[in-house]
């Protein structure tokens, strides 16, 4: 996907006379826009659910919140085991949002503040009704008898993409066999929207339908060229 995005962005910028860009500049803009889209997904879910609750949109196949959730679930990491380092559990380095924390089939209730955690701790929580508190990159869990078998389902941070290449006759040529290659970390349905955002990051403002029309035209021209060659 990253090479398609790179080629489309490069062609559109050259067509508009803006000119070429360095691969590292592309990687930086691309990552910024992936993070931007990632965060907006959560805002859109809340917005659309509120509209649905007011009867302004329908459910079923046209259920917009479900479509957005599908894109968010691209980042879902299910039931990862947490490592215990007394007296804490170590959280994954790519954790962005909690979904659930489980112990022995029971959901651990995550509390919002240290004050709330201390108050509930005094009520002597049990292993069936355990509580937890995120503290930096660690998780405190009570009762303290829980020291293993804790799993977490969470949304991870998008992986930073990298368009890797070789120089052939003075030209940058895409090379996905490089050790540091990393494709774009988004749901496939976000590709066109991401292209729009990336070209905007380079100073060219186009609408999604204009990008779609351009890519379709390019595909048609390539197909015709292959038929006649």
C-alpha atoms as a PDB file:
ATOM      1  CA  UNK A   1       0.000   0.000   0.000  1.00  0.00           C
ATOM      2  CA  UNK A   2       2.767   2.464   0.870  1.00  0.00           C
ATOM      3  CA  UNK A   3       4.237   2.398  -2.647  1.00  0.00           C
ATOM      4  CA  UNK A   4       0.818   3.096  -4.203  1.00  0.00           C
ATOM      5  CA  UNK A   5       0.394   6.054  -1.871  1.00  0.00           C
ATOM      6  CA  UNK A   6       3.941   7.265  -2.565  1.00  0.00           C
ATOM      7  CA  UNK A   7       3.481   7.085  -6.356  1.00  0.00           C
ATOM      8  CA  UNK A   8       0.063   8.768  -6.253  1.00  0.00           C
ATOM      9  CA  UNK A   9       1.263  11.588  -4.014  1.00  0.00           C
ATOM     10  CA  UNK A  10       4.372  12.091  -6.152  1.00  0.00           C
ATOM     11  CA  UNK A  11       2.369  12.182  -9.392  1.00  0.00           C
ATOM     12  CA  UNK A  12      -0.219  14.580  -8.031  1.00  0.00           C
ATOM     13  CA  UNK A  13       2.392  16.965  -6.654  1.00  0.00           C
ATOM     14  CA  UNK A  14       4.360  16.915  -9.898  1.00  0.00           C
ATOM     15  CA  UNK A  15       1.177  17.461 -11.904  1.00  0.00           C
ATOM     16  CA  UNK A  16       0.391  20.507  -9.805  1.00  0.00           C
ATOM     17  CA  UNK A  17       3.927  21.833 -10.204  1.00  0.00           C
ATOM     18  CA  UNK A  18       4.830  21.554  -6.534  1.00  0.00           C
ATOM     19  CA  UNK A  19       7.747  19.266  -7.325  1.00  0.00           C
ATOM     20  CA  UNK A  20       9.477  16.274  -5.785  1.00  0.00           C
ATOM     21  CA  UNK A  21      10.055  15.426  -2.129  1.00  0.00           C
ATOM     22  CA  UNK A  22      12.541  13.390  -0.135  1.00  0.00           C
ATOM     23  CA  UNK A  23      11.462   9.909   1.044  1.00  0.00           C
ATOM     24  CA  UNK A  24      12.118  10.900   4.660  1.00  0.00           C
ATOM     25  CA  UNK A  25       9.799  13.897   4.242  1.00  0.00           C
ATOM     26  CA  UNK A  26       7.141  11.574   2.850  1.00  0.00           C
ATOM     27  CA  UNK A  27       7.566   9.186   5.800  1.00  0.00           C
ATOM     28  CA  UNK A  28       7.215  12.040   8.301  1.00  0.00           C
ATOM     29  CA  UNK A  29       4.088  13.500   6.701  1.00  0.00           C
ATOM     30  CA  UNK A  30       2.583  10.040   6.252  1.00  0.00           C
ATOM     31  CA  UNK A  31       3.075   9.102   9.908  1.00  0.00           C
ATOM     32  CA  UNK A  32       1.612  12.391  11.094  1.00  0.00           C
ATOM     33  CA  UNK A  33      -1.487  11.858   8.959  1.00  0.00           C
ATOM     34  CA  UNK A  34      -1.903   8.220  10.060  1.00  0.00           C
ATOM     35  CA  UNK A  35      -1.897   9.361  13.703  1.00  0.00           C
ATOM     36  CA  UNK A  36      -4.297  12.170  12.834  1.00  0.00           C
ATOM     37  CA  UNK A  37      -6.726   9.739  11.200  1.00  0.00           C
ATOM     38  CA  UNK A  38      -6.328   7.268  14.062  1.00  0.00           C
ATOM     39  CA  UNK A  39      -7.415   9.830  16.647  1.00  0.00           C
ATOM     40  CA  UNK A  40     -10.266  11.142  14.498  1.00  0.00           C
ATOM     41  CA  UNK A  41     -11.781   7.659  14.304  1.00  0.00           C
ATOM     42  CA  UNK A  42     -12.607   7.845  18.019  1.00  0.00           C
ATOM     43  CA  UNK A  43     -14.152  11.287  17.685  1.00  0.00           C
ATOM     44  CA  UNK A  44     -16.273  10.070  14.748  1.00  0.00           C
ATOM     45  CA  UNK A  45     -17.539   7.048  16.688  1.00  0.00           C
ATOM     46  CA  UNK A  46     -18.800   9.213  19.548  1.00  0.00           C
ATOM     47  CA  UNK A  47     -20.340  11.701  17.132  1.00  0.00           C
ATOM     48  CA  UNK A  48     -22.148   9.071  15.056  1.00  0.00           C
ATOM     49  CA  UNK A  49     -23.378   7.101  18.078  1.00  0.00           C
ATOM     50  CA  UNK A  50     -24.921  10.305  19.450  1.00  0.00           C
ATOM     51  CA  UNK A  51     -26.663  10.927  16.104  1.00  0.00           C
ATOM     52  CA  UNK A  52     -27.894   7.332  16.004  1.00  0.00           C
ATOM     53  CA  UNK A  53     -29.269   7.603  19.536  1.00  0.00           C
ATOM     54  CA  UNK A  54     -31.269  10.655  18.419  1.00  0.00           C
ATOM     55  CA  UNK A  55     -32.684   8.696  15.460  1.00  0.00           C
ATOM     56  CA  UNK A  56     -30.859  10.777  12.855  1.00  0.00           C
ATOM     57  CA  UNK A  57     -29.204   7.783  11.133  1.00  0.00           C
ATOM     58  CA  UNK A  58     -30.250   4.173  10.604  1.00  0.00           C
ATOM     59  CA  UNK A  59     -28.608   0.921  11.635  1.00  0.00           C
ATOM     60  CA  UNK A  60     -27.975  -2.207   9.581  1.00  0.00           C
ATOM     61  CA  UNK A  61     -25.671  -2.070   6.575  1.00  0.00           C
ATOM     62  CA  UNK A  62     -25.658   1.723   6.696  1.00  0.00           C
ATOM     63  CA  UNK A  63     -24.586   1.771  10.315  1.00  0.00           C
ATOM     64  CA  UNK A  64     -21.801   4.342  10.135  1.00  0.00           C
ATOM     65  CA  UNK A  65     -20.490   3.757  13.686  1.00  0.00           C
ATOM     66  CA  UNK A  66     -19.934   0.080  12.864  1.00  0.00           C
ATOM     67  CA  UNK A  67     -17.916   0.998   9.777  1.00  0.00           C
ATOM     68  CA  UNK A  68     -15.734   3.297  11.848  1.00  0.00           C
ATOM     69  CA  UNK A  69     -15.353   0.640  14.539  1.00  0.00           C
ATOM     70  CA  UNK A  70     -14.166  -1.770  11.864  1.00  0.00           C
ATOM     71  CA  UNK A  71     -11.346   0.640  11.026  1.00  0.00           C
ATOM     72  CA  UNK A  72     -10.487   1.044  14.709  1.00  0.00           C
ATOM     73  CA  UNK A  73     -10.425  -2.728  15.229  1.00  0.00           C
ATOM     74  CA  UNK A  74      -7.535  -2.887  12.769  1.00  0.00           C
ATOM     75  CA  UNK A  75      -5.458  -1.869  15.819  1.00  0.00           C
ATOM     76  CA  UNK A  76      -7.058  -4.294  18.273  1.00  0.00           C
ATOM     77  CA  UNK A  77      -4.641  -6.588  20.124  1.00  0.00           C
ATOM     78  CA  UNK A  78      -6.593  -9.433  21.771  1.00  0.00           C
ATOM     79  CA  UNK A  79      -5.648 -11.126  25.038  1.00  0.00           C
ATOM     80  CA  UNK A  80      -1.975 -10.282  25.350  1.00  0.00           C
ATOM     81  CA  UNK A  81      -0.411 -11.713  28.529  1.00  0.00           C
ATOM     82  CA  UNK A  82       1.016  -9.155  30.951  1.00  0.00           C
ATOM     83  CA  UNK A  83       4.399  -9.699  32.598  1.00  0.00           C
ATOM     84  CA  UNK A  84       4.503  -9.368  36.380  1.00  0.00           C
ATOM     85  CA  UNK A  85       7.383  -7.428  37.934  1.00  0.00           C
ATOM     86  CA  UNK A  86       6.621  -7.190  41.647  1.00  0.00           C
ATOM     87  CA  UNK A  87       4.559  -5.226  42.589  1.00  0.00           C
ATOM     88  CA  UNK A  88       3.297  -4.209  39.114  1.00  0.00           C
ATOM     89  CA  UNK A  89       2.272  -5.659  35.791  1.00  0.00           C
ATOM     90  CA  UNK A  90       4.159  -4.226  32.816  1.00  0.00           C
ATOM     91  CA  UNK A  91       1.981  -2.749  30.079  1.00  0.00           C
ATOM     92  CA  UNK A  92       2.707  -3.205  26.344  1.00  0.00           C
ATOM     93  CA  UNK A  93       4.926  -0.453  24.925  1.00  0.00           C
ATOM     94  CA  UNK A  94       2.464   0.137  22.060  1.00  0.00           C
ATOM     95  CA  UNK A  95      -0.614   0.513  24.305  1.00  0.00           C
ATOM     96  CA  UNK A  96      -2.806   3.427  23.242  1.00  0.00           C
ATOM     97  CA  UNK A  97      -6.264   2.629  24.679  1.00  0.00           C
ATOM     98  CA  UNK A  98      -7.461  -0.049  27.085  1.00  0.00           C
ATOM     99  CA  UNK A  99     -10.280  -2.354  26.071  1.00  0.00           C
ATOM    100  CA  UNK A 100     -10.424  -4.956  28.849  1.00  0.00           C
ATOM    101  CA  UNK A 101      -8.095  -6.482  31.442  1.00  0.00           C
ATOM    102  CA  UNK A 102      -8.918 -10.034  32.526  1.00  0.00           C
ATOM    103  CA  UNK A 103      -7.880 -12.450  35.255  1.00  0.00           C
ATOM    104  CA  UNK A 104      -9.063 -16.054  35.305  1.00  0.00           C
ATOM    105  CA  UNK A 105     -12.137 -15.222  33.242  1.00  0.00           C
ATOM    106  CA  UNK A 106     -13.071 -12.175  35.299  1.00  0.00           C
ATOM    107  CA  UNK A 107     -12.902  -8.554  34.148  1.00  0.00           C
ATOM    108  CA  UNK A 108     -10.652  -6.345  36.262  1.00  0.00           C
ATOM    109  CA  UNK A 109     -12.271  -2.962  36.879  1.00  0.00           C
ATOM    110  CA  UNK A 110      -9.892  -0.166  35.906  1.00  0.00           C
ATOM    111  CA  UNK A 111     -10.235   2.871  38.162  1.00  0.00           C
ATOM    112  CA  UNK A 112      -9.600   6.450  37.047  1.00  0.00           C
ATOM    113  CA  UNK A 113      -7.547   7.910  39.883  1.00  0.00           C
ATOM    114  CA  UNK A 114      -5.218   6.924  42.679  1.00  0.00           C
ATOM    115  CA  UNK A 115      -7.691   8.347  45.194  1.00  0.00           C
ATOM    116  CA  UNK A 116     -10.482   6.113  43.892  1.00  0.00           C
ATOM    117  CA  UNK A 117      -8.098   3.141  43.835  1.00  0.00           C
ATOM    118  CA  UNK A 118      -7.117   3.644  47.481  1.00  0.00           C
ATOM    119  CA  UNK A 119     -10.731   3.964  48.599  1.00  0.00           C
ATOM    120  CA  UNK A 120     -11.851   0.773  46.841  1.00  0.00           C
ATOM    121  CA  UNK A 121      -8.683  -1.039  47.985  1.00  0.00           C
ATOM    122  CA  UNK A 122      -9.783  -0.567  51.599  1.00  0.00           C
ATOM    123  CA  UNK A 123     -12.927  -2.576  50.806  1.00  0.00           C
ATOM    124  CA  UNK A 124     -10.688  -5.629  50.229  1.00  0.00           C
ATOM    125  CA  UNK A 125     -11.417  -6.486  46.562  1.00  0.00           C
ATOM    126  CA  UNK A 126     -11.399 -10.188  45.676  1.00  0.00           C
ATOM    127  CA  UNK A 127      -9.898 -12.073  42.737  1.00  0.00           C
ATOM    128  CA  UNK A 128     -13.401 -12.340  41.249  1.00  0.00           C
ATOM    129  CA  UNK A 129     -13.922  -8.568  41.602  1.00  0.00           C
ATOM    130  CA  UNK A 130     -10.409  -7.193  41.245  1.00  0.00           C
ATOM    131  CA  UNK A 131      -9.464  -3.582  40.561  1.00  0.00           C
ATOM    132  CA  UNK A 132      -6.618  -2.008  38.626  1.00  0.00           C
ATOM    133  CA  UNK A 133      -4.937   1.363  38.145  1.00  0.00           C
ATOM    134  CA  UNK A 134      -2.654   2.436  35.313  1.00  0.00           C
ATOM    135  CA  UNK A 135       0.506   4.095  36.609  1.00  0.00           C
ATOM    136  CA  UNK A 136       2.744   5.184  33.771  1.00  0.00           C
ATOM    137  CA  UNK A 137       3.794   2.065  31.874  1.00  0.00           C
ATOM    138  CA  UNK A 138       2.621  -0.266  34.652  1.00  0.00           C
ATOM    139  CA  UNK A 139      -0.638  -1.576  36.084  1.00  0.00           C
ATOM    140  CA  UNK A 140      -1.347  -2.016  39.790  1.00  0.00           C
ATOM    141  CA  UNK A 141      -3.881  -4.737  40.585  1.00  0.00           C
ATOM    142  CA  UNK A 142      -5.626  -5.601  43.841  1.00  0.00           C
ATOM    143  CA  UNK A 143      -5.861  -7.981  45.582  1.00  0.00           C
ATOM    144  CA  UNK A 144      -2.104  -8.472  45.578  1.00  0.00           C
ATOM    145  CA  UNK A 145      -2.601 -12.261  45.393  1.00  0.00           C
ATOM    146  CA  UNK A 146      -2.977 -11.777  41.634  1.00  0.00           C
ATOM    147  CA  UNK A 147       0.557 -12.119  40.301  1.00  0.00           C
ATOM    148  CA  UNK A 148       0.075 -13.958  36.993  1.00  0.00           C
ATOM    149  CA  UNK A 149      -2.452 -14.995  34.314  1.00  0.00           C
ATOM    150  CA  UNK A 150      -3.526 -11.404  33.617  1.00  0.00           C
ATOM    151  CA  UNK A 151      -4.339 -10.606  29.993  1.00  0.00           C
ATOM    152  CA  UNK A 152      -5.141  -7.357  28.249  1.00  0.00           C
ATOM    153  CA  UNK A 153      -7.119  -6.528  25.127  1.00  0.00           C
ATOM    154  CA  UNK A 154      -6.127  -3.117  23.844  1.00  0.00           C
ATOM    155  CA  UNK A 155      -5.769  -0.774  20.900  1.00  0.00           C
ATOM    156  CA  UNK A 156      -2.161  -0.313  19.895  1.00  0.00           C
ATOM    157  CA  UNK A 157      -0.471   2.774  18.528  1.00  0.00           C
ATOM    158  CA  UNK A 158      -0.073   2.748  14.715  1.00  0.00           C
ATOM    159  CA  UNK A 159       3.310   1.488  13.555  1.00  0.00           C
ATOM    160  CA  UNK A 160       5.426   4.110  11.814  1.00  0.00           C
ATOM    161  CA  UNK A 161       5.568   3.369   8.080  1.00  0.00           C
ATOM    162  CA  UNK A 162       8.761   3.578   6.032  1.00  0.00           C
ATOM    163  CA  UNK A 163       9.063   3.754   2.232  1.00  0.00           C
ATOM    164  CA  UNK A 164      12.362   1.964   1.660  1.00  0.00           C
ATOM    165  CA  UNK A 165      14.277   2.277  -1.594  1.00  0.00           C
ATOM    166  CA  UNK A 166      17.466   1.795  -3.568  1.00  0.00           C
ATOM    167  CA  UNK A 167      19.166   4.278  -5.871  1.00  0.00           C
ATOM    168  CA  UNK A 168      19.252   2.924  -9.443  1.00  0.00           C
ATOM    169  CA  UNK A 169      20.796   5.175 -12.084  1.00  0.00           C
ATOM    170  CA  UNK A 170      20.240   8.140  -9.802  1.00  0.00           C
ATOM    171  CA  UNK A 171      16.554   7.314  -9.315  1.00  0.00           C
ATOM    172  CA  UNK A 172      14.863   6.196  -6.072  1.00  0.00           C
ATOM    173  CA  UNK A 173      13.317   2.765  -6.666  1.00  0.00           C
ATOM    174  CA  UNK A 174      10.985   1.167  -4.127  1.00  0.00           C
ATOM    175  CA  UNK A 175      12.494  -1.805  -2.278  1.00  0.00           C
ATOM    176  CA  UNK A 176      10.233  -3.691   0.122  1.00  0.00           C
ATOM    177  CA  UNK A 177      12.934  -6.281   0.855  1.00  0.00           C
ATOM    178  CA  UNK A 178      14.860  -3.831   3.052  1.00  0.00           C
ATOM    179  CA  UNK A 179      15.143  -4.776   6.723  1.00  0.00           C
ATOM    180  CA  UNK A 180      13.537  -1.514   7.862  1.00  0.00           C
ATOM    181  CA  UNK A 181      10.613  -1.607   5.423  1.00  0.00           C
ATOM    182  CA  UNK A 182       7.225  -1.030   7.045  1.00  0.00           C
ATOM    183  CA  UNK A 183       3.947  -0.782   5.174  1.00  0.00           C
ATOM    184  CA  UNK A 184       1.240   1.728   6.108  1.00  0.00           C
ATOM    185  CA  UNK A 185      -0.589   0.668   9.262  1.00  0.00           C
ATOM    186  CA  UNK A 186      -4.194   1.547   8.430  1.00  0.00           C
ATOM    187  CA  UNK A 187      -7.410  -0.228   7.480  1.00  0.00           C
ATOM    188  CA  UNK A 188      -7.505  -0.611   3.654  1.00  0.00           C
ATOM    189  CA  UNK A 189     -10.660   1.502   3.435  1.00  0.00           C
ATOM    190  CA  UNK A 190      -8.673   4.540   4.661  1.00  0.00           C
ATOM    191  CA  UNK A 191      -6.199   4.568   1.769  1.00  0.00           C
ATOM    192  CA  UNK A 192      -7.793   7.288  -0.383  1.00  0.00           C
ATOM    193  CA  UNK A 193      -8.535   9.500   2.610  1.00  0.00           C
ATOM    194  CA  UNK A 194      -4.911   9.121   3.708  1.00  0.00           C
ATOM    195  CA  UNK A 195      -3.673  10.179   0.256  1.00  0.00           C
ATOM    196  CA  UNK A 196      -5.821  13.305   0.488  1.00  0.00           C
ATOM    197  CA  UNK A 197      -4.337  14.086   3.896  1.00  0.00           C
ATOM    198  CA  UNK A 198      -0.740  13.476   2.802  1.00  0.00           C
ATOM    199  CA  UNK A 199      -0.947  15.704  -0.278  1.00  0.00           C
ATOM    200  CA  UNK A 200      -2.547  18.346   1.928  1.00  0.00           C
ATOM    201  CA  UNK A 201       0.502  18.040   4.182  1.00  0.00           C
ATOM    202  CA  UNK A 202       2.629  18.977   1.166  1.00  0.00           C
ATOM    203  CA  UNK A 203       0.455  22.001   0.359  1.00  0.00           C
ATOM    204  CA  UNK A 204      -1.942  20.600  -2.262  1.00  0.00           C
ATOM    205  CA  UNK A 205      -5.638  20.540  -1.405  1.00  0.00           C
ATOM    206  CA  UNK A 206      -7.793  18.051  -3.310  1.00  0.00           C
ATOM    207  CA  UNK A 207     -11.070  16.351  -2.513  1.00  0.00           C
ATOM    208  CA  UNK A 208     -11.403  12.590  -2.136  1.00  0.00           C
ATOM    209  CA  UNK A 209     -13.439  12.263  -5.319  1.00  0.00           C
ATOM    210  CA  UNK A 210     -10.686  14.027  -7.285  1.00  0.00           C
ATOM    211  CA  UNK A 211      -8.096  11.557  -5.997  1.00  0.00           C
ATOM    212  CA  UNK A 212     -10.369   8.618  -6.830  1.00  0.00           C
ATOM    213  CA  UNK A 213     -10.881   9.969 -10.354  1.00  0.00           C
ATOM    214  CA  UNK A 214      -7.136  10.398 -10.793  1.00  0.00           C
ATOM    215  CA  UNK A 215      -6.280   6.872  -9.589  1.00  0.00           C
ATOM    216  CA  UNK A 216      -8.990   5.350 -11.782  1.00  0.00           C
ATOM    217  CA  UNK A 217      -7.651   7.250 -14.782  1.00  0.00           C
ATOM    218  CA  UNK A 218      -4.113   6.056 -14.044  1.00  0.00           C
ATOM    219  CA  UNK A 219      -5.279   2.442 -13.723  1.00  0.00           C
ATOM    220  CA  UNK A 220      -7.162   2.689 -17.024  1.00  0.00           C
ATOM    221  CA  UNK A 221      -4.143   4.145 -18.825  1.00  0.00           C
ATOM    222  CA  UNK A 222      -1.855   1.451 -17.421  1.00  0.00           C
ATOM    223  CA  UNK A 223      -4.303  -1.261 -18.447  1.00  0.00           C
ATOM    224  CA  UNK A 224      -4.555   0.102 -22.002  1.00  0.00           C
ATOM    225  CA  UNK A 225      -0.776   0.368 -22.209  1.00  0.00           C
ATOM    226  CA  UNK A 226      -0.358  -3.260 -21.152  1.00  0.00           C
ATOM    227  CA  UNK A 227      -2.893  -4.404 -23.760  1.00  0.00           C
ATOM    228  CA  UNK A 228      -1.085  -2.624 -26.584  1.00  0.00           C
ATOM    229  CA  UNK A 229       2.473  -3.485 -25.524  1.00  0.00           C
END
